[in-house]
Protein backbone atom coordinates (compact mmCIF):
# COMPACT_ATOMS: atom_id res chain seq x y z
CA MET A 1 -0.20 0.03 -0.17
CA VAL A 2 1.53 3.37 -0.92
CA LEU A 3 -0.08 6.31 1.00
CA SER A 4 1.43 9.97 0.46
CA ALA A 5 2.25 12.40 3.64
CA ASN A 6 -1.48 12.65 5.25
CA LEU A 7 -0.66 10.20 8.00
CA ASN A 8 -4.09 10.25 9.33
CA ILE A 9 -5.14 6.77 7.62
CA LEU A 10 -2.04 5.05 9.56
CA SER A 11 -3.64 5.55 12.99
CA GLU A 12 -5.84 3.14 11.42
CA ILE A 13 -3.62 0.43 10.25
CA GLY A 14 -1.91 -1.74 12.97
CA LYS A 15 1.59 -1.74 13.81
CA GLU A 16 2.57 -5.05 12.40
CA GLN A 17 0.69 -4.27 9.17
CA MET A 18 3.64 -1.10 8.94
CA ASN A 19 6.09 -3.05 6.97
CA ARG A 20 3.75 -3.23 4.04
CA VAL A 21 3.48 -0.03 3.75
CA ILE A 22 5.25 2.62 1.94
CA VAL A 23 4.80 6.15 2.35
CA GLU A 24 5.27 9.33 -0.42
CA LEU A 25 7.07 12.39 0.77
CA SER A 26 6.94 15.02 -1.74
CA VAL A 27 9.60 17.67 -1.05
CA ASN A 28 10.18 21.24 -2.54
CA ASP A 29 14.05 22.51 -2.95
CA LYS A 30 14.05 23.37 0.81
CA ASN A 31 13.49 20.12 1.85
CA GLU A 32 9.63 20.96 2.92
CA VAL A 33 6.86 18.27 2.54
CA LEU A 34 4.30 19.07 0.46
CA THR A 35 0.96 17.74 0.69
CA ASN A 36 -2.38 17.77 -1.19
CA ASN A 37 -1.11 16.74 -4.83
CA GLN A 38 1.97 18.99 -4.04
CA THR A 39 -0.25 22.17 -3.70
CA ILE A 40 0.04 22.46 0.39
CA ASN A 41 3.49 23.19 1.79
CA THR A 42 3.56 21.99 5.51
CA GLY A 43 6.63 23.55 6.53
CA VAL A 44 7.49 20.53 8.07
CA ASN A 45 11.53 19.10 7.16
CA VAL A 46 11.54 15.97 5.30
CA ILE A 47 14.18 14.60 7.75
CA ASP A 48 11.72 15.58 10.50
CA LYS A 49 8.74 13.66 8.74
CA ILE A 50 10.81 10.56 8.16
CA GLN A 51 11.78 10.38 11.60
CA GLU A 52 8.23 10.47 12.55
CA LEU A 53 7.19 7.76 9.91
CA ALA A 54 10.31 5.84 11.28
CA GLY A 55 8.65 6.39 14.76
CA LEU A 56 5.37 5.02 13.24
CA GLY A 57 7.30 1.44 12.15
CA ILE A 58 7.45 2.63 8.65
CA LYS A 59 10.19 1.03 6.74
CA LYS A 60 9.92 2.44 3.09
CA ILE A 61 9.22 6.00 1.57
CA ILE A 62 9.11 7.33 -1.66
CA ILE A 63 10.84 10.44 -2.03
CA THR A 64 9.15 12.87 -5.08
CA PHE A 65 11.41 15.98 -5.63
CA LYS A 66 8.65 18.64 -6.99
CA SER A 67 11.23 20.99 -8.32
CA PHE A 68 12.81 18.64 -10.77
CA GLU A 69 9.42 16.39 -11.47
CA GLY A 70 9.07 16.13 -15.31
CA GLN A 71 11.55 18.94 -16.42
CA LEU A 72 14.02 16.79 -17.76
CA GLU A 73 16.58 18.14 -15.88
CA ASP A 74 19.40 15.84 -13.74
CA LEU A 75 18.98 15.01 -10.35
CA PRO A 76 19.07 16.99 -7.77
CA ARG A 77 21.79 15.08 -6.43
CA GLU A 78 23.14 17.35 -3.61
CA GLN A 79 19.71 17.57 -1.93
CA VAL A 80 19.35 13.97 -2.62
CA LYS A 81 22.44 12.98 -0.95
CA ASN A 82 22.22 15.46 1.98
CA ILE A 83 19.00 13.72 2.62
CA MET A 84 20.00 10.49 2.65
CA PHE A 85 22.95 10.73 4.45
CA GLN A 86 20.27 11.62 7.89
CA ILE A 87 17.46 8.93 6.64
CA PRO A 88 17.17 7.20 10.48
CA GLY A 89 18.27 3.40 10.74
CA PRO A 90 14.41 1.95 10.80
CA ILE A 91 14.02 2.74 7.50
CA ASP A 92 15.22 0.14 5.26
CA LYS A 93 13.90 1.57 1.57
CA VAL A 94 14.55 4.77 -0.04
CA ILE A 95 13.50 5.04 -3.79
CA ILE A 96 13.59 8.26 -5.28
CA ALA A 97 11.23 9.74 -7.51
CA CYS A 98 12.67 11.81 -10.10
CA GLN A 99 12.75 12.01 -14.13
CA ILE A 100 16.39 10.92 -14.91
CA SER A 101 17.98 12.95 -17.90
CA SER A 102 21.04 10.59 -18.33
CA LEU A 103 22.64 7.04 -17.11
CA ASP A 104 24.82 9.28 -14.71
CA ASP A 105 21.76 10.34 -12.78
CA ILE A 106 21.29 6.10 -11.88
């Protein structure tokens, strides 16, 4: 099951089922989490949100970089690297959702 950053539904999922849930987080170029089809800026830092998710038992996340989505630009490598270095241990899989423009992006 894939959920967006809206965590209300997570309260209805049992802790034992959290390993089956993948949460999608859309972020802007300031690493702030966006909701409602990327139209509302929550002002919450993506690492703070990931730590919250890890505390709930989430182990898999998808991060979408709104600034680069559909732009055929290079992957925001520095932004990705900075986020990845801060991912807490309980998160065991991070999927970066971003359009690639060359094999160097992979």
